[in-house]
Amino acid sequence: MAEAVYLLCALTSAACAFLLLRSYFRSRSRLLVWSSLAFVGLALNNALLFVDLVLIPDAIDLSIVRSVTGLAALMVLAYGLIWEAE
């Protein structure tokens, strides 16, 4: 059951990134670009979670890589929010 949740979270994040990019191409708001890049990072983070806990649970520990991708995604979003506020 947890495996399905991991995959659904990754797919949902990827769908959000796609919808945000599609909206960007219509309105050209730069905040949408930052948000979509953040969701791409979050989708990658969720995909790595699936790989780490389901596909290769005992082979390699990807917790550091997962943490770095999640942090990078949130930093991109924070940078975009701060940059667009000015």
C-alpha atoms as a PDB file:
ATOM      1  CA  MET A   1       0.000   0.000   0.000  1.00  0.00           C
ATOM      2  CA  ALA A   2       2.810   2.415   0.818  1.00  0.00           C
ATOM      3  CA  GLU A   3       4.337   1.783  -2.601  1.00  0.00           C
ATOM      4  CA  ALA A   4       1.182   3.040  -4.292  1.00  0.00           C
ATOM      5  CA  VAL A   5       1.214   6.180  -2.170  1.00  0.00           C
ATOM      6  CA  TYR A   6       4.848   6.894  -3.091  1.00  0.00           C
ATOM      7  CA  LEU A   7       4.062   6.534  -6.788  1.00  0.00           C
ATOM      8  CA  LEU A   8       0.899   8.613  -6.558  1.00  0.00           C
ATOM      9  CA  CYS A   9       2.798  11.399  -4.787  1.00  0.00           C
ATOM     10  CA  ALA A  10       5.432  11.411  -7.531  1.00  0.00           C
ATOM     11  CA  LEU A  11       2.793  11.454 -10.260  1.00  0.00           C
ATOM     12  CA  THR A  12       0.846  14.210  -8.537  1.00  0.00           C
ATOM     13  CA  SER A  13       3.949  16.383  -8.210  1.00  0.00           C
ATOM     14  CA  ALA A  14       4.818  15.791 -11.860  1.00  0.00           C
ATOM     15  CA  ALA A  15       1.254  16.648 -12.899  1.00  0.00           C
ATOM     16  CA  CYS A  16       1.399  19.863 -10.873  1.00  0.00           C
ATOM     17  CA  ALA A  17       4.687  20.783 -12.553  1.00  0.00           C
ATOM     18  CA  PHE A  18       3.167  20.125 -15.974  1.00  0.00           C
ATOM     19  CA  LEU A  19       0.070  22.201 -15.230  1.00  0.00           C
ATOM     20  CA  LEU A  20       2.139  25.063 -13.835  1.00  0.00           C
ATOM     21  CA  LEU A  21       4.365  25.080 -16.931  1.00  0.00           C
ATOM     22  CA  ARG A  22       1.338  25.007 -19.206  1.00  0.00           C
ATOM     23  CA  SER A  23      -0.116  27.956 -17.315  1.00  0.00           C
ATOM     24  CA  TYR A  24       3.205  29.775 -17.605  1.00  0.00           C
ATOM     25  CA  PHE A  25       3.158  29.502 -21.383  1.00  0.00           C
ATOM     26  CA  ARG A  26      -0.279  31.130 -21.375  1.00  0.00           C
ATOM     27  CA  SER A  27       0.341  33.977 -18.919  1.00  0.00           C
ATOM     28  CA  ARG A  28       4.150  34.395 -18.843  1.00  0.00           C
ATOM     29  CA  SER A  29       4.229  34.901 -15.076  1.00  0.00           C
ATOM     30  CA  ARG A  30       7.730  34.142 -13.802  1.00  0.00           C
ATOM     31  CA  LEU A  31       6.415  32.879 -10.471  1.00  0.00           C
ATOM     32  CA  LEU A  32       4.848  29.973 -12.341  1.00  0.00           C
ATOM     33  CA  VAL A  33       8.274  28.972 -13.654  1.00  0.00           C
ATOM     34  CA  TRP A  34       9.750  28.895 -10.165  1.00  0.00           C
ATOM     35  CA  SER A  35       6.789  26.943  -8.862  1.00  0.00           C
ATOM     36  CA  SER A  36       6.977  24.410 -11.679  1.00  0.00           C
ATOM     37  CA  LEU A  37      10.721  23.924 -11.134  1.00  0.00           C
ATOM     38  CA  ALA A  38      10.052  23.336  -7.458  1.00  0.00           C
ATOM     39  CA  PHE A  39       7.432  20.723  -8.278  1.00  0.00           C
ATOM     40  CA  VAL A  40       9.815  19.014 -10.692  1.00  0.00           C
ATOM     41  CA  GLY A  41      12.259  18.761  -7.809  1.00  0.00           C
ATOM     42  CA  LEU A  42       9.547  17.431  -5.511  1.00  0.00           C
ATOM     43  CA  ALA A  43       8.543  14.851  -8.114  1.00  0.00           C
ATOM     44  CA  LEU A  44      12.175  13.775  -8.339  1.00  0.00           C
ATOM     45  CA  ASN A  45      12.287  13.610  -4.552  1.00  0.00           C
ATOM     46  CA  ASN A  46       9.223  11.353  -4.470  1.00  0.00           C
ATOM     47  CA  ALA A  47      10.611   9.153  -7.239  1.00  0.00           C
ATOM     48  CA  LEU A  48      13.829   8.759  -5.274  1.00  0.00           C
ATOM     49  CA  LEU A  49      11.769   7.856  -2.222  1.00  0.00           C
ATOM     50  CA  PHE A  50      10.116   5.066  -4.204  1.00  0.00           C
ATOM     51  CA  VAL A  51      13.450   3.814  -5.497  1.00  0.00           C
ATOM     52  CA  ASP A  52      15.061   3.984  -2.060  1.00  0.00           C
ATOM     53  CA  LEU A  53      12.324   2.298  -0.042  1.00  0.00           C
ATOM     54  CA  VAL A  54      10.746  -0.064  -2.581  1.00  0.00           C
ATOM     55  CA  LEU A  55      13.132  -0.968  -5.396  1.00  0.00           C
ATOM     56  CA  ILE A  56      16.483  -1.112  -3.591  1.00  0.00           C
ATOM     57  CA  PRO A  57      15.722  -1.028   0.151  1.00  0.00           C
ATOM     58  CA  ASP A  58      18.912  -2.761   1.307  1.00  0.00           C
ATOM     59  CA  ALA A  59      21.389  -1.984  -1.470  1.00  0.00           C
ATOM     60  CA  ILE A  60      22.028   1.763  -1.202  1.00  0.00           C
ATOM     61  CA  ASP A  61      20.847   4.413   1.252  1.00  0.00           C
ATOM     62  CA  LEU A  62      19.509   7.351  -0.763  1.00  0.00           C
ATOM     63  CA  SER A  63      18.293   9.386   2.206  1.00  0.00           C
ATOM     64  CA  ILE A  64      20.964  12.078   1.751  1.00  0.00           C
ATOM     65  CA  VAL A  65      20.205  12.422  -1.961  1.00  0.00           C
ATOM     66  CA  ARG A  66      16.475  12.583  -1.213  1.00  0.00           C
ATOM     67  CA  SER A  67      17.015  15.268   1.406  1.00  0.00           C
ATOM     68  CA  VAL A  68      19.182  17.334  -0.927  1.00  0.00           C
ATOM     69  CA  THR A  69      16.636  17.200  -3.765  1.00  0.00           C
ATOM     70  CA  GLY A  70      13.810  18.170  -1.419  1.00  0.00           C
ATOM     71  CA  LEU A  71      15.852  21.033   0.008  1.00  0.00           C
ATOM     72  CA  ALA A  72      16.852  22.214  -3.471  1.00  0.00           C
ATOM     73  CA  ALA A  73      13.235  22.175  -4.620  1.00  0.00           C
ATOM     74  CA  LEU A  74      12.106  24.227  -1.648  1.00  0.00           C
ATOM     75  CA  MET A  75      15.025  26.637  -2.059  1.00  0.00           C
ATOM     76  CA  VAL A  76      14.047  27.195  -5.695  1.00  0.00           C
ATOM     77  CA  LEU A  77      10.499  27.963  -4.602  1.00  0.00           C
ATOM     78  CA  ALA A  78      11.657  30.287  -1.806  1.00  0.00           C
ATOM     79  CA  TYR A  79      14.028  32.088  -4.194  1.00  0.00           C
ATOM     80  CA  GLY A  80      11.242  32.544  -6.716  1.00  0.00           C
ATOM     81  CA  LEU A  81       8.854  33.870  -4.089  1.00  0.00           C
ATOM     82  CA  ILE A  82      11.436  36.335  -2.742  1.00  0.00           C
ATOM     83  CA  TRP A  83      12.605  37.417  -6.195  1.00  0.00           C
ATOM     84  CA  GLU A  84       9.068  38.002  -7.469  1.00  0.00           C
ATOM     85  CA  ALA A  85       8.122  39.961  -4.341  1.00  0.00           C
ATOM     86  CA  GLU A  86      10.582  42.726  -5.211  1.00  0.00           C
END
